C-alpha atoms as a PDB file:
ATOM      1  CA  UNK A   1       0.290  -0.231  -0.158  1.00  0.00           C
ATOM      2  CA  UNK A   2       1.583   3.395  -0.595  1.00  0.00           C
ATOM      3  CA  UNK A   3      -0.360   6.479   0.353  1.00  0.00           C
ATOM      4  CA  UNK A   4       0.558  10.113  -0.424  1.00  0.00           C
ATOM      5  CA  UNK A   5      -0.284  13.434   1.037  1.00  0.00           C
ATOM      6  CA  UNK A   6      -1.912  16.351  -1.125  1.00  0.00           C
ATOM      7  CA  UNK A   7      -3.328  19.699  -0.992  1.00  0.00           C
ATOM      8  CA  UNK A   8      -6.092  20.357  -2.688  1.00  0.00           C
ATOM      9  CA  UNK A   9      -7.338  24.331  -2.708  1.00  0.00           C
ATOM     10  CA  UNK A  10     -11.511  24.360  -2.483  1.00  0.00           C
ATOM     11  CA  UNK A  11     -12.243  25.652  -6.099  1.00  0.00           C
ATOM     12  CA  UNK A  12     -10.488  22.844  -7.359  1.00  0.00           C
ATOM     13  CA  UNK A  13     -12.395  19.567  -5.551  1.00  0.00           C
ATOM     14  CA  UNK A  14     -15.055  18.687  -8.005  1.00  0.00           C
ATOM     15  CA  UNK A  15     -12.791  18.840 -10.758  1.00  0.00           C
ATOM     16  CA  UNK A  16     -10.155  16.692  -8.892  1.00  0.00           C
ATOM     17  CA  UNK A  17     -12.663  13.942  -7.956  1.00  0.00           C
ATOM     18  CA  UNK A  18     -14.196  13.919 -11.762  1.00  0.00           C
ATOM     19  CA  UNK A  19     -10.411  13.769 -13.131  1.00  0.00           C
ATOM     20  CA  UNK A  20     -10.070  11.017 -10.153  1.00  0.00           C
ATOM     21  CA  UNK A  21     -13.245   9.197 -10.961  1.00  0.00           C
ATOM     22  CA  UNK A  22     -12.186   8.249 -14.647  1.00  0.00           C
ATOM     23  CA  UNK A  23      -8.207   7.952 -13.904  1.00  0.00           C
ATOM     24  CA  UNK A  24      -8.636   5.893 -11.209  1.00  0.00           C
ATOM     25  CA  UNK A  25      -8.453   1.794 -12.214  1.00  0.00           C
ATOM     26  CA  UNK A  26     -11.054  -0.490 -10.984  1.00  0.00           C
ATOM     27  CA  UNK A  27     -11.184  -2.164  -7.611  1.00  0.00           C
ATOM     28  CA  UNK A  28      -9.405   0.557  -5.340  1.00  0.00           C
ATOM     29  CA  UNK A  29      -9.996   3.969  -4.350  1.00  0.00           C
ATOM     30  CA  UNK A  30      -8.343   7.646  -3.165  1.00  0.00           C
ATOM     31  CA  UNK A  31      -9.689   9.691  -0.214  1.00  0.00           C
ATOM     32  CA  UNK A  32      -9.475  13.278   0.591  1.00  0.00           C
ATOM     33  CA  UNK A  33     -10.448  14.790   4.102  1.00  0.00           C
ATOM     34  CA  UNK A  34     -10.932  18.367   5.442  1.00  0.00           C
ATOM     35  CA  UNK A  35     -12.466  18.969   8.744  1.00  0.00           C
ATOM     36  CA  UNK A  36     -14.803  16.086  10.058  1.00  0.00           C
ATOM     37  CA  UNK A  37     -15.855  15.475   5.611  1.00  0.00           C
ATOM     38  CA  UNK A  38     -14.406  13.104   3.690  1.00  0.00           C
ATOM     39  CA  UNK A  39     -14.834  12.231   0.129  1.00  0.00           C
ATOM     40  CA  UNK A  40     -14.280   8.314  -0.951  1.00  0.00           C
ATOM     41  CA  UNK A  41     -14.014   8.203  -5.015  1.00  0.00           C
ATOM     42  CA  UNK A  42     -14.119   5.025  -6.552  1.00  0.00           C
ATOM     43  CA  UNK A  43     -13.757   4.366 -10.547  1.00  0.00           C
ATOM     44  CA  UNK A  44     -16.778   6.324 -11.518  1.00  0.00           C
ATOM     45  CA  UNK A  45     -18.358   6.823  -8.557  1.00  0.00           C
ATOM     46  CA  UNK A  46     -17.903   9.074  -5.260  1.00  0.00           C
ATOM     47  CA  UNK A  47     -19.055   9.702  -1.696  1.00  0.00           C
ATOM     48  CA  UNK A  48     -18.747  12.827   0.505  1.00  0.00           C
ATOM     49  CA  UNK A  49     -20.054  12.321   4.168  1.00  0.00           C
ATOM     50  CA  UNK A  50     -19.243  13.491   7.639  1.00  0.00           C
ATOM     51  CA  UNK A  51     -18.181  10.986  10.204  1.00  0.00           C
ATOM     52  CA  UNK A  52     -21.440  11.036  11.934  1.00  0.00           C
ATOM     53  CA  UNK A  53     -23.122   9.502   8.672  1.00  0.00           C
ATOM     54  CA  UNK A  54     -22.959   6.380   9.193  1.00  0.00           C
ATOM     55  CA  UNK A  55     -25.682   5.364   6.757  1.00  0.00           C
ATOM     56  CA  UNK A  56     -23.579   7.243   3.945  1.00  0.00           C
ATOM     57  CA  UNK A  57     -20.457   4.977   5.027  1.00  0.00           C
ATOM     58  CA  UNK A  58     -21.963   2.154   4.559  1.00  0.00           C
ATOM     59  CA  UNK A  59     -23.476   2.549   1.181  1.00  0.00           C
ATOM     60  CA  UNK A  60     -19.729   3.413   0.731  1.00  0.00           C
ATOM     61  CA  UNK A  61     -18.557   0.286   2.278  1.00  0.00           C
ATOM     62  CA  UNK A  62     -20.608  -1.951   0.046  1.00  0.00           C
ATOM     63  CA  UNK A  63     -20.089  -0.050  -3.454  1.00  0.00           C
ATOM     64  CA  UNK A  64     -16.398  -0.993  -2.686  1.00  0.00           C
ATOM     65  CA  UNK A  65     -17.102  -4.503  -2.057  1.00  0.00           C
ATOM     66  CA  UNK A  66     -19.373  -4.468  -4.876  1.00  0.00           C
ATOM     67  CA  UNK A  67     -16.255  -3.882  -7.160  1.00  0.00           C
ATOM     68  CA  UNK A  68     -14.073  -6.266  -5.610  1.00  0.00           C
ATOM     69  CA  UNK A  69     -12.334  -4.174  -2.975  1.00  0.00           C
ATOM     70  CA  UNK A  70     -11.869  -7.025  -0.042  1.00  0.00           C
ATOM     71  CA  UNK A  71     -13.692  -5.244   3.142  1.00  0.00           C
ATOM     72  CA  UNK A  72     -10.590  -5.203   5.257  1.00  0.00           C
ATOM     73  CA  UNK A  73      -9.703  -2.578   3.009  1.00  0.00           C
ATOM     74  CA  UNK A  74     -12.080  -0.175   2.692  1.00  0.00           C
ATOM     75  CA  UNK A  75     -13.062   3.174   4.666  1.00  0.00           C
ATOM     76  CA  UNK A  76     -14.582   3.845   8.126  1.00  0.00           C
ATOM     77  CA  UNK A  77     -15.020   6.752   9.754  1.00  0.00           C
ATOM     78  CA  UNK A  78     -11.950   6.142  11.203  1.00  0.00           C
ATOM     79  CA  UNK A  79     -10.197   7.415   8.073  1.00  0.00           C
ATOM     80  CA  UNK A  80     -11.624  11.059   8.915  1.00  0.00           C
ATOM     81  CA  UNK A  81      -9.837  11.473  12.231  1.00  0.00           C
ATOM     82  CA  UNK A  82      -7.030   9.442  11.257  1.00  0.00           C
ATOM     83  CA  UNK A  83      -6.513   9.505   6.842  1.00  0.00           C
ATOM     84  CA  UNK A  84      -3.467   7.954   7.144  1.00  0.00           C
ATOM     85  CA  UNK A  85      -4.058   5.040   9.528  1.00  0.00           C
END
């Protein structure tokens, strides 16, 4: 596993998300965090939610499993507090 850190201006976030959705390999994901919010970006789909939105977290996890990502490798609410963990 390889982790990278980037800084992204708020006004460039939407374009970044769209670019990643079209470029990322199937079965992988990227996450970006700011404050208590996170965006999980998969091939052709993304999920944005806050730490307390358990239903959205579960939706992203189920989607990740449906495209072949092992459950242990999927994002959780802990990722928001510790994006590199």
